[in-house]
């Protein structure tokens, strides 16, 4: 027993503090623009982090109709979020705990992840923030913002959507 304690003890201590160095703030702003259309429906929106190979690393938000209507369940239209759907949405157990929410009207919405829990399992590496929107009788749009995790310096990036999304900003602080 004495032989393995000196070998194992440093690994255990390093494991306890491994996520301390990964703590960082990640703040996202998603703007849903005003669209002049005769029949306007609020967009379905998915926000996630993807790896370089485009697989989903972490879902951050999923806004869709939470009610069933004459046209069926709100989940019926989640397939219109094509990229999110193909990369794991179709296999997801809905609603996603702490992530799913109702569709949002026109405006700017903030998502903050600064407690270290939501992104604690995200290993060091290159990622992309992905925001995808699809609207019934409307269009479809997807924007990506690359970033490195964990952040070594404060960084703010902004991408303007062209139709279904307005300005999307990503603010990361170590």
Foldseek 3Di string as FASTA:
>chain_A
DVVCCVVVVVVVVCVVCVLVVQAKKKKKKWFFADDDDPDFDFKWKWKFKAAPVRATPATAATAWACDADPVGGRVVCVCVLPSVCVRCVVVDDPPDPPHYYHGDDGGMDMGMDRPSPRCSPPDWDKIKIKMWIDTVVDHIDMDIDIDTGPDPAWDKDWDATDGRIGIMMITMHD
